[in-house]
Amino acid sequence: MGDLPDEPEAAGPAPGGGRSAPRRIRTDPEHVERDLSCLVLTVVELVRQLVERQCVRRMDHGDLADEQVEALGLTLMRLDEAMDDLCDRFGLERSDLNLDLGPLGTLLPRD
């Protein structure tokens, strides 16, 4: 078996004139760890944003006491800081977590 290149090889033009699809993926441990970290953090960020939206809805409807609103606000701020810390730890930006789903758009809303 010969050595595999570090960069994926392009398979040629994609249908519709878009970007070409790679024929091979990187399999070295550094990239696998980073990509897996990115995938896990993407799921965590999606859940965090859903929880945040639900909390805002409940606050808007007056379903929460003032103490609960204060506790939720503090918790959401800490979760946001924790996401920043995890992204820093794995060398990722928040924008790296927003997967492009092709014709469906991006997974996370753009700020």
Protein backbone atom coordinates (compact mmCIF):
# COMPACT_ATOMS: atom_id res chain seq x y z
CA MET A 1 0.00 0.00 0.00
CA GLY A 2 1.33 3.45 -0.88
CA ASP A 3 1.25 6.50 1.32
CA LEU A 4 -2.01 8.43 1.35
CA PRO A 5 -1.84 12.18 0.79
CA ASP A 6 -2.61 14.55 3.67
CA GLU A 7 -5.21 16.40 1.64
CA PRO A 8 -8.34 14.68 0.30
CA GLU A 9 -8.38 14.13 -3.44
CA ALA A 10 -11.12 15.82 -5.42
CA ALA A 11 -13.47 13.58 -7.35
CA GLY A 12 -14.13 16.20 -10.01
CA PRO A 13 -16.91 18.71 -10.38
CA ALA A 14 -20.00 18.02 -8.34
CA PRO A 15 -23.41 17.89 -10.04
CA GLY A 16 -24.80 21.36 -10.47
CA GLY A 17 -21.36 22.99 -10.58
CA GLY A 18 -20.83 22.98 -6.79
CA ARG A 19 -17.73 22.05 -4.86
CA SER A 20 -16.14 18.75 -5.69
CA ALA A 21 -16.59 15.87 -3.26
CA PRO A 22 -13.49 14.32 -1.67
CA ARG A 23 -12.68 10.71 -2.55
CA ARG A 24 -10.66 10.12 0.61
CA ILE A 25 -10.89 11.45 4.11
CA ARG A 26 -8.08 12.16 6.50
CA THR A 27 -7.48 9.30 8.86
CA ASP A 28 -4.63 10.56 10.97
CA PRO A 29 -5.45 10.72 14.72
CA GLU A 30 -5.15 14.52 15.00
CA HIS A 31 -7.86 15.21 12.46
CA VAL A 32 -10.14 12.43 13.66
CA GLU A 33 -10.04 13.80 17.22
CA ARG A 34 -10.73 17.36 16.06
CA ASP A 35 -13.57 16.30 13.76
CA LEU A 36 -15.16 14.14 16.45
CA SER A 37 -14.83 17.01 18.94
CA CYS A 38 -16.46 19.33 16.43
CA LEU A 39 -19.37 16.92 15.91
CA VAL A 40 -19.94 16.44 19.66
CA LEU A 41 -19.73 20.17 20.36
CA THR A 42 -22.14 20.84 17.49
CA VAL A 43 -24.75 18.57 19.10
CA VAL A 44 -24.14 20.18 22.51
CA GLU A 45 -24.47 23.67 21.01
CA LEU A 46 -27.71 22.70 19.24
CA VAL A 47 -29.21 21.40 22.51
CA ARG A 48 -27.96 24.49 24.38
CA GLN A 49 -29.65 26.79 21.89
CA LEU A 50 -32.91 24.80 22.04
CA VAL A 51 -32.92 24.96 25.85
CA GLU A 52 -32.21 28.69 25.72
CA ARG A 53 -35.14 29.27 23.34
CA GLN A 54 -37.45 27.22 25.55
CA CYS A 55 -36.40 29.25 28.60
CA VAL A 56 -37.08 32.50 26.75
CA ARG A 57 -40.53 31.24 25.71
CA ARG A 58 -41.36 30.32 29.30
CA MET A 59 -40.16 33.74 30.53
CA ASP A 60 -42.22 35.51 27.86
CA HIS A 61 -45.34 33.59 28.91
CA GLY A 62 -44.78 34.40 32.58
CA ASP A 63 -44.50 30.73 33.56
CA LEU A 64 -41.48 31.34 35.80
CA ALA A 65 -40.97 33.08 39.12
CA ASP A 66 -38.38 35.86 39.34
CA GLU A 67 -35.97 33.56 41.17
CA GLN A 68 -36.29 30.94 38.42
CA VAL A 69 -35.65 33.55 35.74
CA GLU A 70 -32.52 34.71 37.58
CA ALA A 71 -31.27 31.12 38.02
CA LEU A 72 -31.92 30.27 34.36
CA GLY A 73 -30.15 33.41 33.19
CA LEU A 74 -27.08 32.59 35.27
CA THR A 75 -27.10 28.95 34.12
CA LEU A 76 -27.39 29.94 30.44
CA MET A 77 -24.50 32.40 30.80
CA ARG A 78 -22.35 29.69 32.39
CA LEU A 79 -23.25 27.22 29.64
CA ASP A 80 -22.28 29.79 27.01
CA GLU A 81 -18.93 30.37 28.75
CA ALA A 82 -18.37 26.61 28.99
CA MET A 83 -18.96 26.28 25.24
CA ASP A 84 -16.36 29.00 24.62
CA ASP A 85 -13.89 27.16 26.87
CA LEU A 86 -14.49 23.83 25.10
CA CYS A 87 -14.10 25.44 21.68
CA ASP A 88 -10.81 27.00 22.80
CA ARG A 89 -9.63 23.68 24.20
CA PHE A 90 -10.17 21.91 20.87
CA GLY A 91 -9.05 24.82 18.68
CA LEU A 92 -12.50 25.46 17.24
CA GLU A 93 -14.50 28.59 16.54
CA ARG A 94 -18.25 28.72 17.12
CA SER A 95 -18.67 29.07 13.35
CA ASP A 96 -16.98 25.64 12.95
CA LEU A 97 -19.94 24.10 14.77
CA ASN A 98 -22.48 25.29 12.22
CA LEU A 99 -22.68 22.37 9.81
CA ASP A 100 -23.70 23.10 6.23
CA LEU A 101 -26.60 20.82 5.33
CA GLY A 102 -26.50 21.68 1.64
CA PRO A 103 -29.89 22.70 0.25
CA LEU A 104 -31.37 22.74 3.76
CA GLY A 105 -29.00 25.50 4.85
CA THR A 106 -27.01 25.48 8.06
CA LEU A 107 -27.80 23.46 11.17
CA LEU A 108 -27.62 26.39 13.57
CA PRO A 109 -29.15 29.81 12.94
CA ARG A 110 -26.62 32.44 11.87
CA ASP A 111 -26.18 35.27 14.34
